[in-house]
């Protein structure tokens, strides 16, 4: 058995989600290969070769692969899929875009958001917003998985010495074209990779209060800022800060939830955090059921006091 991990990269370096996916692939048994499909992506392929546990890197390089268009990347995966028992994608926006296409083209069922590999054909995944855990056995010849990165430790980014092998690039499908990309620039850590996250909820009342109260705490801790869906829907925080079932799944070392009641959809996105601190004046708030430390207090008083004491 050999597993193929589809790397996420920017044509120069490998993104962190790939490292967690390599760990999941290793748990499937057998060798682990990594596909780096891009344009002028030799540096990314070299970085993939350094990942511990990877035995081969397959590098496909062509202009039509530059921007990770789902149709072209899926065609590239299908072109080399024949020799693999498992094909794994990180459960990120990109992975969720490409994996279903690959599964459909292979006529197999996709296994989504895998959090644990029990054996080569048996996997664990959350259902019902994480309120139930399903153990799923697949009899498909090729298993196509998306991996919830919070469920697996990242493989070491250095220490490996895999061979890099070139592969012919799949032809441009012609079904889509890259128009442009607007990237939010921030000095803060990226939300899904941050070790500390400070999140705010609807209780903050406005965008101004959100920034006034939570930004100093995040600055002190070197943390990323997050938000509940209610806060995002109310316009207090941008969409890419949303943590939850319909936002980003995070598992930092420390998660501070200020003014977040703890709706099921939010808990599904952060309950795997190592230490959870909840600040809420409602003693019945569901967030306290998953919190390691709970502070029943007015966040407008408690958070500035916390900042002052740090």
C-alpha atoms as a PDB file:
ATOM      1  CA  UNK A   1       0.000   0.000   0.000  1.00  0.00           C
ATOM      2  CA  UNK A   2       1.127   3.500  -0.824  1.00  0.00           C
ATOM      3  CA  UNK A   3      -0.582   6.752   0.154  1.00  0.00           C
ATOM      4  CA  UNK A   4      -0.487   9.944  -1.905  1.00  0.00           C
ATOM      5  CA  UNK A   5      -0.730  13.317  -0.158  1.00  0.00           C
ATOM      6  CA  UNK A   6      -1.749  16.290  -2.281  1.00  0.00           C
ATOM      7  CA  UNK A   7       0.444  19.136  -1.034  1.00  0.00           C
ATOM      8  CA  UNK A   8      -0.813  22.647  -0.436  1.00  0.00           C
ATOM      9  CA  UNK A   9       1.843  25.173  -1.345  1.00  0.00           C
ATOM     10  CA  UNK A  10       2.471  28.613  -2.802  1.00  0.00           C
ATOM     11  CA  UNK A  11       4.970  27.345  -5.414  1.00  0.00           C
ATOM     12  CA  UNK A  12       7.792  28.285  -3.041  1.00  0.00           C
ATOM     13  CA  UNK A  13       7.024  26.605   0.295  1.00  0.00           C
ATOM     14  CA  UNK A  14       4.769  23.918   1.739  1.00  0.00           C
ATOM     15  CA  UNK A  15       1.792  24.983   3.868  1.00  0.00           C
ATOM     16  CA  UNK A  16       1.435  23.609   7.372  1.00  0.00           C
ATOM     17  CA  UNK A  17      -1.749  21.606   6.669  1.00  0.00           C
ATOM     18  CA  UNK A  18       0.296  19.300   4.439  1.00  0.00           C
ATOM     19  CA  UNK A  19       2.422  18.223   7.411  1.00  0.00           C
ATOM     20  CA  UNK A  20      -0.626  17.054   9.377  1.00  0.00           C
ATOM     21  CA  UNK A  21      -1.885  15.199   6.314  1.00  0.00           C
ATOM     22  CA  UNK A  22       1.445  13.377   5.957  1.00  0.00           C
ATOM     23  CA  UNK A  23       1.022  12.096   9.523  1.00  0.00           C
ATOM     24  CA  UNK A  24      -2.435  10.779   8.629  1.00  0.00           C
ATOM     25  CA  UNK A  25      -1.065   9.148   5.481  1.00  0.00           C
ATOM     26  CA  UNK A  26       1.667   7.391   7.457  1.00  0.00           C
ATOM     27  CA  UNK A  27      -1.000   5.946   9.778  1.00  0.00           C
ATOM     28  CA  UNK A  28      -2.642   4.273   6.757  1.00  0.00           C
ATOM     29  CA  UNK A  29       0.403   2.000   6.426  1.00  0.00           C
ATOM     30  CA  UNK A  30       2.934   1.720   3.627  1.00  0.00           C
ATOM     31  CA  UNK A  31       4.949   4.419   1.903  1.00  0.00           C
ATOM     32  CA  UNK A  32       3.940   8.073   1.712  1.00  0.00           C
ATOM     33  CA  UNK A  33       4.326  10.007  -1.531  1.00  0.00           C
ATOM     34  CA  UNK A  34       3.579  13.727  -1.953  1.00  0.00           C
ATOM     35  CA  UNK A  35       2.312  15.401  -5.120  1.00  0.00           C
ATOM     36  CA  UNK A  36       3.480  18.977  -5.673  1.00  0.00           C
ATOM     37  CA  UNK A  37       1.574  20.356  -8.671  1.00  0.00           C
ATOM     38  CA  UNK A  38       2.337  23.946  -9.584  1.00  0.00           C
ATOM     39  CA  UNK A  39       4.323  26.277 -11.816  1.00  0.00           C
ATOM     40  CA  UNK A  40       7.999  26.978 -11.139  1.00  0.00           C
ATOM     41  CA  UNK A  41       7.445  25.029  -7.930  1.00  0.00           C
ATOM     42  CA  UNK A  42      10.845  23.361  -7.632  1.00  0.00           C
ATOM     43  CA  UNK A  43      11.414  25.058  -4.269  1.00  0.00           C
ATOM     44  CA  UNK A  44       8.130  23.669  -2.921  1.00  0.00           C
ATOM     45  CA  UNK A  45       9.026  20.192  -4.194  1.00  0.00           C
ATOM     46  CA  UNK A  46      12.416  20.433  -2.477  1.00  0.00           C
ATOM     47  CA  UNK A  47      10.697  21.480   0.751  1.00  0.00           C
ATOM     48  CA  UNK A  48       8.305  18.515   0.468  1.00  0.00           C
ATOM     49  CA  UNK A  49      11.282  16.187   0.084  1.00  0.00           C
ATOM     50  CA  UNK A  50      12.518  17.335   3.493  1.00  0.00           C
ATOM     51  CA  UNK A  51       9.327  16.259   5.313  1.00  0.00           C
ATOM     52  CA  UNK A  52      10.004  13.362   7.670  1.00  0.00           C
ATOM     53  CA  UNK A  53       8.304  10.152   6.601  1.00  0.00           C
ATOM     54  CA  UNK A  54       7.944  11.018   2.910  1.00  0.00           C
ATOM     55  CA  UNK A  55       9.612   8.512   0.579  1.00  0.00           C
ATOM     56  CA  UNK A  56       8.949  10.196  -2.775  1.00  0.00           C
ATOM     57  CA  UNK A  57       7.866  13.586  -4.099  1.00  0.00           C
ATOM     58  CA  UNK A  58       6.141  13.772  -7.478  1.00  0.00           C
ATOM     59  CA  UNK A  59       6.583  17.169  -9.089  1.00  0.00           C
ATOM     60  CA  UNK A  60       4.260  18.240 -11.905  1.00  0.00           C
ATOM     61  CA  UNK A  61       5.103  21.655 -13.294  1.00  0.00           C
ATOM     62  CA  UNK A  62       3.072  23.627 -15.832  1.00  0.00           C
ATOM     63  CA  UNK A  63       1.448  27.040 -16.218  1.00  0.00           C
ATOM     64  CA  UNK A  64      -2.064  25.573 -15.916  1.00  0.00           C
ATOM     65  CA  UNK A  65      -1.193  24.249 -12.441  1.00  0.00           C
ATOM     66  CA  UNK A  66       0.064  27.588 -11.127  1.00  0.00           C
ATOM     67  CA  UNK A  67      -3.015  28.648  -9.201  1.00  0.00           C
ATOM     68  CA  UNK A  68      -4.440  25.353  -8.005  1.00  0.00           C
ATOM     69  CA  UNK A  69      -7.570  25.412 -10.174  1.00  0.00           C
ATOM     70  CA  UNK A  70      -9.661  22.483  -8.983  1.00  0.00           C
ATOM     71  CA  UNK A  71     -10.374  21.013 -12.433  1.00  0.00           C
ATOM     72  CA  UNK A  72      -6.717  20.976 -13.458  1.00  0.00           C
ATOM     73  CA  UNK A  73      -5.427  19.714 -10.116  1.00  0.00           C
ATOM     74  CA  UNK A  74      -8.036  16.925 -10.067  1.00  0.00           C
ATOM     75  CA  UNK A  75      -6.970  15.868 -13.564  1.00  0.00           C
ATOM     76  CA  UNK A  76      -3.342  15.800 -12.401  1.00  0.00           C
ATOM     77  CA  UNK A  77      -4.211  13.590  -9.431  1.00  0.00           C
ATOM     78  CA  UNK A  78      -6.223  11.211 -11.629  1.00  0.00           C
ATOM     79  CA  UNK A  79      -3.273  10.944 -14.051  1.00  0.00           C
ATOM     80  CA  UNK A  80      -1.104   9.362 -11.349  1.00  0.00           C
ATOM     81  CA  UNK A  81      -3.757   7.827  -9.086  1.00  0.00           C
ATOM     82  CA  UNK A  82      -3.463   4.279 -10.415  1.00  0.00           C
ATOM     83  CA  UNK A  83      -0.695   3.154  -8.089  1.00  0.00           C
ATOM     84  CA  UNK A  84      -2.149   4.409  -4.818  1.00  0.00           C
ATOM     85  CA  UNK A  85      -4.384   2.823  -2.208  1.00  0.00           C
ATOM     86  CA  UNK A  86      -5.056   6.109  -0.388  1.00  0.00           C
ATOM     87  CA  UNK A  87      -5.254   9.692  -1.683  1.00  0.00           C
ATOM     88  CA  UNK A  88      -5.298  12.314   1.063  1.00  0.00           C
ATOM     89  CA  UNK A  89      -6.093  16.026   1.029  1.00  0.00           C
ATOM     90  CA  UNK A  90      -6.077  18.496   3.931  1.00  0.00           C
ATOM     91  CA  UNK A  91      -9.658  19.446   4.826  1.00  0.00           C
ATOM     92  CA  UNK A  92      -9.036  23.052   3.805  1.00  0.00           C
ATOM     93  CA  UNK A  93     -10.866  25.174   1.224  1.00  0.00           C
ATOM     94  CA  UNK A  94      -8.543  23.866  -1.479  1.00  0.00           C
ATOM     95  CA  UNK A  95      -8.696  20.237  -0.393  1.00  0.00           C
ATOM     96  CA  UNK A  96     -12.485  20.290  -0.122  1.00  0.00           C
ATOM     97  CA  UNK A  97     -12.643  21.768  -3.624  1.00  0.00           C
ATOM     98  CA  UNK A  98     -10.519  19.099  -5.294  1.00  0.00           C
ATOM     99  CA  UNK A  99     -11.137  15.882  -3.320  1.00  0.00           C
ATOM    100  CA  UNK A 100     -14.807  15.400  -4.349  1.00  0.00           C
ATOM    101  CA  UNK A 101     -13.851  15.757  -7.995  1.00  0.00           C
ATOM    102  CA  UNK A 102     -11.154  13.116  -7.631  1.00  0.00           C
ATOM    103  CA  UNK A 103     -13.505  10.756  -5.783  1.00  0.00           C
ATOM    104  CA  UNK A 104     -16.198  11.202  -8.439  1.00  0.00           C
ATOM    105  CA  UNK A 105     -13.766  10.590 -11.302  1.00  0.00           C
ATOM    106  CA  UNK A 106     -12.532   7.426  -9.555  1.00  0.00           C
ATOM    107  CA  UNK A 107     -16.163   6.418  -8.797  1.00  0.00           C
ATOM    108  CA  UNK A 108     -15.464   5.947  -5.095  1.00  0.00           C
ATOM    109  CA  UNK A 109     -16.948   7.408  -1.916  1.00  0.00           C
ATOM    110  CA  UNK A 110     -15.097  10.274  -0.271  1.00  0.00           C
ATOM    111  CA  UNK A 111     -14.323  10.084   3.457  1.00  0.00           C
ATOM    112  CA  UNK A 112     -14.520  13.628   4.825  1.00  0.00           C
ATOM    113  CA  UNK A 113     -12.922  15.296   7.854  1.00  0.00           C
ATOM    114  CA  UNK A 114     -11.077  12.200   9.060  1.00  0.00           C
ATOM    115  CA  UNK A 115      -9.735  12.732  12.589  1.00  0.00           C
ATOM    116  CA  UNK A 116      -8.240   9.288  13.224  1.00  0.00           C
ATOM    117  CA  UNK A 117      -6.956   6.366  11.176  1.00  0.00           C
ATOM    118  CA  UNK A 118      -7.899   3.074  12.846  1.00  0.00           C
ATOM    119  CA  UNK A 119      -6.539   0.843  10.072  1.00  0.00           C
ATOM    120  CA  UNK A 120      -5.957   0.943   6.337  1.00  0.00           C
ATOM    121  CA  UNK A 121      -9.708   0.735   5.645  1.00  0.00           C
ATOM    122  CA  UNK A 122     -11.271   2.120   8.845  1.00  0.00           C
ATOM    123  CA  UNK A 123     -11.443   5.772   9.794  1.00  0.00           C
ATOM    124  CA  UNK A 124     -13.027   8.027  12.423  1.00  0.00           C
ATOM    125  CA  UNK A 125     -14.833  11.250  11.541  1.00  0.00           C
ATOM    126  CA  UNK A 126     -17.194  13.639  13.350  1.00  0.00           C
ATOM    127  CA  UNK A 127     -20.842  13.948  12.315  1.00  0.00           C
ATOM    128  CA  UNK A 128     -23.713  16.168  13.475  1.00  0.00           C
ATOM    129  CA  UNK A 129     -21.364  19.123  14.077  1.00  0.00           C
ATOM    130  CA  UNK A 130     -19.081  16.942  16.199  1.00  0.00           C
ATOM    131  CA  UNK A 131     -21.830  15.752  18.541  1.00  0.00           C
ATOM    132  CA  UNK A 132     -21.358  12.174  17.348  1.00  0.00           C
ATOM    133  CA  UNK A 133     -18.290  10.335  16.134  1.00  0.00           C
ATOM    134  CA  UNK A 134     -18.625   7.819  13.303  1.00  0.00           C
ATOM    135  CA  UNK A 135     -16.253   4.953  12.621  1.00  0.00           C
ATOM    136  CA  UNK A 136     -16.409   4.250   8.888  1.00  0.00           C
ATOM    137  CA  UNK A 137     -15.047   1.263   6.990  1.00  0.00           C
ATOM    138  CA  UNK A 138     -14.452   1.607   3.265  1.00  0.00           C
ATOM    139  CA  UNK A 139     -14.229  -1.261   0.786  1.00  0.00           C
ATOM    140  CA  UNK A 140     -13.238   0.985  -2.132  1.00  0.00           C
ATOM    141  CA  UNK A 141     -10.019   0.033  -3.877  1.00  0.00           C
ATOM    142  CA  UNK A 142      -8.827   3.625  -3.574  1.00  0.00           C
ATOM    143  CA  UNK A 143      -9.672   5.601  -0.450  1.00  0.00           C
ATOM    144  CA  UNK A 144     -10.068   9.353  -1.021  1.00  0.00           C
ATOM    145  CA  UNK A 145      -9.851  11.241   2.282  1.00  0.00           C
ATOM    146  CA  UNK A 146      -9.921  14.790   3.492  1.00  0.00           C
ATOM    147  CA  UNK A 147      -8.037  15.089   6.776  1.00  0.00           C
ATOM    148  CA  UNK A 148      -9.063  17.408   9.582  1.00  0.00           C
ATOM    149  CA  UNK A 149      -5.631  18.746  10.437  1.00  0.00           C
ATOM    150  CA  UNK A 150      -6.469  19.377  14.097  1.00  0.00           C
ATOM    151  CA  UNK A 151      -6.744  15.598  14.568  1.00  0.00           C
ATOM    152  CA  UNK A 152      -3.119  14.852  13.680  1.00  0.00           C
ATOM    153  CA  UNK A 153       0.221  16.180  14.856  1.00  0.00           C
ATOM    154  CA  UNK A 154       2.291  17.753  12.069  1.00  0.00           C
ATOM    155  CA  UNK A 155       5.128  15.721  10.615  1.00  0.00           C
ATOM    156  CA  UNK A 156       8.584  17.253  11.044  1.00  0.00           C
ATOM    157  CA  UNK A 157       9.262  19.687   8.198  1.00  0.00           C
ATOM    158  CA  UNK A 158      12.927  18.712   8.104  1.00  0.00           C
ATOM    159  CA  UNK A 159      14.895  15.518   8.443  1.00  0.00           C
ATOM    160  CA  UNK A 160      13.553  13.699   5.396  1.00  0.00           C
ATOM    161  CA  UNK A 161      15.440  12.948   2.200  1.00  0.00           C
ATOM    162  CA  UNK A 162      12.854  11.855  -0.344  1.00  0.00           C
ATOM    163  CA  UNK A 163      13.618  11.543  -4.023  1.00  0.00           C
ATOM    164  CA  UNK A 164      11.955  14.103  -6.304  1.00  0.00           C
ATOM    165  CA  UNK A 165      10.509  12.650  -9.488  1.00  0.00           C
ATOM    166  CA  UNK A 166       9.074  14.686 -12.367  1.00  0.00           C
ATOM    167  CA  UNK A 167       5.679  13.798 -13.807  1.00  0.00           C
ATOM    168  CA  UNK A 168       4.031  14.919 -17.015  1.00  0.00           C
ATOM    169  CA  UNK A 169       1.539  17.709 -16.371  1.00  0.00           C
ATOM    170  CA  UNK A 170      -2.105  17.090 -17.181  1.00  0.00           C
ATOM    171  CA  UNK A 171      -3.536  19.233 -19.961  1.00  0.00           C
ATOM    172  CA  UNK A 172      -5.519  22.369 -19.157  1.00  0.00           C
ATOM    173  CA  UNK A 173      -9.181  21.387 -18.812  1.00  0.00           C
ATOM    174  CA  UNK A 174     -10.303  24.725 -20.221  1.00  0.00           C
ATOM    175  CA  UNK A 175     -13.243  24.697 -17.802  1.00  0.00           C
ATOM    176  CA  UNK A 176     -12.032  27.509 -15.596  1.00  0.00           C
ATOM    177  CA  UNK A 177      -9.470  30.283 -15.571  1.00  0.00           C
ATOM    178  CA  UNK A 178      -7.717  32.210 -12.848  1.00  0.00           C
ATOM    179  CA  UNK A 179      -8.834  35.843 -12.695  1.00  0.00           C
ATOM    180  CA  UNK A 180      -7.267  37.223  -9.520  1.00  0.00           C
ATOM    181  CA  UNK A 181      -6.759  36.778  -5.824  1.00  0.00           C
ATOM    182  CA  UNK A 182      -7.410  39.221  -3.013  1.00  0.00           C
ATOM    183  CA  UNK A 183      -5.373  38.237   0.022  1.00  0.00           C
ATOM    184  CA  UNK A 184      -6.011  39.689   3.453  1.00  0.00           C
ATOM    185  CA  UNK A 185      -2.700  40.902   4.837  1.00  0.00           C
ATOM    186  CA  UNK A 186      -2.183  40.759   8.587  1.00  0.00           C
ATOM    187  CA  UNK A 187       0.708  40.855  11.000  1.00  0.00           C
ATOM    188  CA  UNK A 188      -1.122  38.318  13.142  1.00  0.00           C
ATOM    189  CA  UNK A 189      -0.700  34.553  12.850  1.00  0.00           C
ATOM    190  CA  UNK A 190      -3.000  32.776  10.389  1.00  0.00           C
ATOM    191  CA  UNK A 191      -6.064  31.573  12.285  1.00  0.00           C
ATOM    192  CA  UNK A 192      -5.787  27.838  11.613  1.00  0.00           C
ATOM    193  CA  UNK A 193      -2.048  27.820  12.392  1.00  0.00           C
ATOM    194  CA  UNK A 194      -2.075  30.071  15.476  1.00  0.00           C
ATOM    195  CA  UNK A 195      -0.999  28.696  18.860  1.00  0.00           C
ATOM    196  CA  UNK A 196      -3.150  31.262  20.707  1.00  0.00           C
ATOM    197  CA  UNK A 197      -6.546  32.573  19.573  1.00  0.00           C
ATOM    198  CA  UNK A 198      -8.676  35.297  21.132  1.00  0.00           C
ATOM    199  CA  UNK A 199     -12.288  35.065  19.926  1.00  0.00           C
ATOM    200  CA  UNK A 200     -15.222  37.379  20.472  1.00  0.00           C
ATOM    201  CA  UNK A 201     -18.969  36.930  20.223  1.00  0.00           C
ATOM    202  CA  UNK A 202     -22.109  38.946  19.690  1.00  0.00           C
ATOM    203  CA  UNK A 203     -21.941  40.245  23.277  1.00  0.00           C
ATOM    204  CA  UNK A 204     -19.258  42.731  22.193  1.00  0.00           C
ATOM    205  CA  UNK A 205     -22.026  44.749  20.561  1.00  0.00           C
ATOM    206  CA  UNK A 206     -20.176  46.459  17.707  1.00  0.00           C
ATOM    207  CA  UNK A 207     -17.159  46.307  15.438  1.00  0.00           C
ATOM    208  CA  UNK A 208     -15.560  49.196  17.340  1.00  0.00           C
ATOM    209  CA  UNK A 209     -15.959  47.436  20.688  1.00  0.00           C
ATOM    210  CA  UNK A 210     -14.684  44.198  19.194  1.00  0.00           C
ATOM    211  CA  UNK A 211     -11.429  45.877  18.192  1.00  0.00           C
ATOM    212  CA  UNK A 212     -11.199  48.100  21.272  1.00  0.00           C
ATOM    213  CA  UNK A 213     -11.587  45.243  23.782  1.00  0.00           C
ATOM    214  CA  UNK A 214      -9.989  42.222  22.091  1.00  0.00           C
ATOM    215  CA  UNK A 215      -7.153  43.696  20.017  1.00  0.00           C
ATOM    216  CA  UNK A 216      -5.020  44.741  23.058  1.00  0.00           C
ATOM    217  CA  UNK A 217      -5.337  41.222  24.512  1.00  0.00           C
ATOM    218  CA  UNK A 218      -4.401  39.616  21.196  1.00  0.00           C
ATOM    219  CA  UNK A 219      -1.442  42.001  20.878  1.00  0.00           C
ATOM    220  CA  UNK A 220      -0.196  41.118  24.371  1.00  0.00           C
ATOM    221  CA  UNK A 221      -0.414  37.374  23.686  1.00  0.00           C
ATOM    222  CA  UNK A 222       0.755  37.431  20.055  1.00  0.00           C
ATOM    223  CA  UNK A 223      -2.552  35.782  19.230  1.00  0.00           C
ATOM    224  CA  UNK A 224      -4.792  35.497  16.191  1.00  0.00           C
ATOM    225  CA  UNK A 225      -8.260  37.023  16.379  1.00  0.00           C
ATOM    226  CA  UNK A 226     -11.358  34.884  15.863  1.00  0.00           C
ATOM    227  CA  UNK A 227     -15.103  35.351  16.075  1.00  0.00           C
ATOM    228  CA  UNK A 228     -18.329  33.435  16.442  1.00  0.00           C
ATOM    229  CA  UNK A 229     -20.739  33.198  13.538  1.00  0.00           C
ATOM    230  CA  UNK A 230     -23.128  35.547  15.332  1.00  0.00           C
ATOM    231  CA  UNK A 231     -20.406  38.215  15.554  1.00  0.00           C
ATOM    232  CA  UNK A 232     -19.507  37.777  11.894  1.00  0.00           C
ATOM    233  CA  UNK A 233     -23.141  37.883  10.764  1.00  0.00           C
ATOM    234  CA  UNK A 234     -23.618  41.075  12.781  1.00  0.00           C
ATOM    235  CA  UNK A 235     -20.668  42.667  10.984  1.00  0.00           C
ATOM    236  CA  UNK A 236     -18.386  42.913  14.024  1.00  0.00           C
ATOM    237  CA  UNK A 237     -15.621  40.835  12.419  1.00  0.00           C
ATOM    238  CA  UNK A 238     -14.662  39.748   8.874  1.00  0.00           C
ATOM    239  CA  UNK A 239     -15.719  36.364   7.482  1.00  0.00           C
ATOM    240  CA  UNK A 240     -12.215  34.909   7.544  1.00  0.00           C
ATOM    241  CA  UNK A 241     -12.156  35.230  11.343  1.00  0.00           C
ATOM    242  CA  UNK A 242     -15.145  32.920  11.811  1.00  0.00           C
ATOM    243  CA  UNK A 243     -14.485  29.847  13.946  1.00  0.00           C
ATOM    244  CA  UNK A 244     -16.982  26.996  13.800  1.00  0.00           C
ATOM    245  CA  UNK A 245     -18.640  24.304  11.743  1.00  0.00           C
ATOM    246  CA  UNK A 246     -19.268  26.781   8.908  1.00  0.00           C
ATOM    247  CA  UNK A 247     -16.020  28.663   9.520  1.00  0.00           C
ATOM    248  CA  UNK A 248     -12.536  27.470  10.412  1.00  0.00           C
ATOM    249  CA  UNK A 249     -11.710  24.447  12.546  1.00  0.00           C
ATOM    250  CA  UNK A 250      -8.970  25.332  15.020  1.00  0.00           C
ATOM    251  CA  UNK A 251      -7.099  23.585  17.819  1.00  0.00           C
ATOM    252  CA  UNK A 252      -4.617  26.064  19.338  1.00  0.00           C
ATOM    253  CA  UNK A 253      -2.709  25.626  22.573  1.00  0.00           C
ATOM    254  CA  UNK A 254      -4.863  28.368  24.131  1.00  0.00           C
ATOM    255  CA  UNK A 255      -8.336  29.514  23.071  1.00  0.00           C
ATOM    256  CA  UNK A 256      -9.902  32.501  24.831  1.00  0.00           C
ATOM    257  CA  UNK A 257     -13.626  32.939  24.191  1.00  0.00           C
ATOM    258  CA  UNK A 258     -14.979  36.339  25.255  1.00  0.00           C
ATOM    259  CA  UNK A 259     -18.710  36.924  25.108  1.00  0.00           C
ATOM    260  CA  UNK A 260     -19.350  33.683  23.210  1.00  0.00           C
ATOM    261  CA  UNK A 261     -22.332  31.667  24.425  1.00  0.00           C
ATOM    262  CA  UNK A 262     -21.115  28.404  22.919  1.00  0.00           C
ATOM    263  CA  UNK A 263     -23.576  27.408  20.205  1.00  0.00           C
ATOM    264  CA  UNK A 264     -23.076  23.888  18.829  1.00  0.00           C
ATOM    265  CA  UNK A 265     -21.730  25.181  15.526  1.00  0.00           C
ATOM    266  CA  UNK A 266     -19.050  27.233  17.307  1.00  0.00           C
ATOM    267  CA  UNK A 267     -18.040  24.439  19.687  1.00  0.00           C
ATOM    268  CA  UNK A 268     -17.549  22.128  16.696  1.00  0.00           C
ATOM    269  CA  UNK A 269     -14.802  24.442  15.466  1.00  0.00           C
ATOM    270  CA  UNK A 270     -12.761  24.885  18.650  1.00  0.00           C
ATOM    271  CA  UNK A 271     -13.486  22.210  21.271  1.00  0.00           C
ATOM    272  CA  UNK A 272     -10.257  20.337  20.409  1.00  0.00           C
ATOM    273  CA  UNK A 273      -8.215  23.315  21.682  1.00  0.00           C
ATOM    274  CA  UNK A 274      -5.714  22.262  24.345  1.00  0.00           C
ATOM    275  CA  UNK A 275      -6.777  24.891  26.928  1.00  0.00           C
ATOM    276  CA  UNK A 276     -10.077  26.781  26.659  1.00  0.00           C
ATOM    277  CA  UNK A 277     -10.737  29.930  28.694  1.00  0.00           C
ATOM    278  CA  UNK A 278     -14.299  31.299  28.670  1.00  0.00           C
ATOM    279  CA  UNK A 279     -15.343  34.780  29.815  1.00  0.00           C
ATOM    280  CA  UNK A 280     -19.117  35.218  29.981  1.00  0.00           C
ATOM    281  CA  UNK A 281     -21.519  36.826  32.441  1.00  0.00           C
ATOM    282  CA  UNK A 282     -24.158  34.115  31.852  1.00  0.00           C
ATOM    283  CA  UNK A 283     -23.404  31.204  34.216  1.00  0.00           C
ATOM    284  CA  UNK A 284     -25.584  28.915  32.059  1.00  0.00           C
ATOM    285  CA  UNK A 285     -23.672  29.591  28.832  1.00  0.00           C
ATOM    286  CA  UNK A 286     -22.845  26.284  27.069  1.00  0.00           C
ATOM    287  CA  UNK A 287     -19.257  27.460  26.491  1.00  0.00           C
ATOM    288  CA  UNK A 288     -18.534  26.695  30.155  1.00  0.00           C
ATOM    289  CA  UNK A 289     -19.231  22.994  29.523  1.00  0.00           C
ATOM    290  CA  UNK A 290     -16.089  22.697  27.358  1.00  0.00           C
ATOM    291  CA  UNK A 291     -13.950  25.341  29.108  1.00  0.00           C
ATOM    292  CA  UNK A 292     -10.941  24.387  31.212  1.00  0.00           C
ATOM    293  CA  UNK A 293     -11.166  27.763  32.952  1.00  0.00           C
ATOM    294  CA  UNK A 294     -14.367  29.779  33.211  1.00  0.00           C
ATOM    295  CA  UNK A 295     -14.721  33.365  34.374  1.00  0.00           C
ATOM    296  CA  UNK A 296     -18.275  34.509  35.116  1.00  0.00           C
ATOM    297  CA  UNK A 297     -17.814  38.223  34.564  1.00  0.00           C
ATOM    298  CA  UNK A 298     -18.586  41.173  32.312  1.00  0.00           C
ATOM    299  CA  UNK A 299     -16.068  40.931  29.479  1.00  0.00           C
ATOM    300  CA  UNK A 300     -15.856  44.742  29.218  1.00  0.00           C
ATOM    301  CA  UNK A 301     -14.377  44.751  32.729  1.00  0.00           C
ATOM    302  CA  UNK A 302     -12.565  41.417  32.782  1.00  0.00           C
ATOM    303  CA  UNK A 303     -10.668  41.641  29.497  1.00  0.00           C
ATOM    304  CA  UNK A 304      -9.070  45.069  30.170  1.00  0.00           C
ATOM    305  CA  UNK A 305      -8.114  43.847  33.661  1.00  0.00           C
ATOM    306  CA  UNK A 306      -6.534  40.763  32.089  1.00  0.00           C
ATOM    307  CA  UNK A 307      -4.600  42.951  29.636  1.00  0.00           C
ATOM    308  CA  UNK A 308      -3.402  45.203  32.464  1.00  0.00           C
ATOM    309  CA  UNK A 309      -2.133  42.240  34.475  1.00  0.00           C
ATOM    310  CA  UNK A 310      -0.182  40.643  31.598  1.00  0.00           C
END
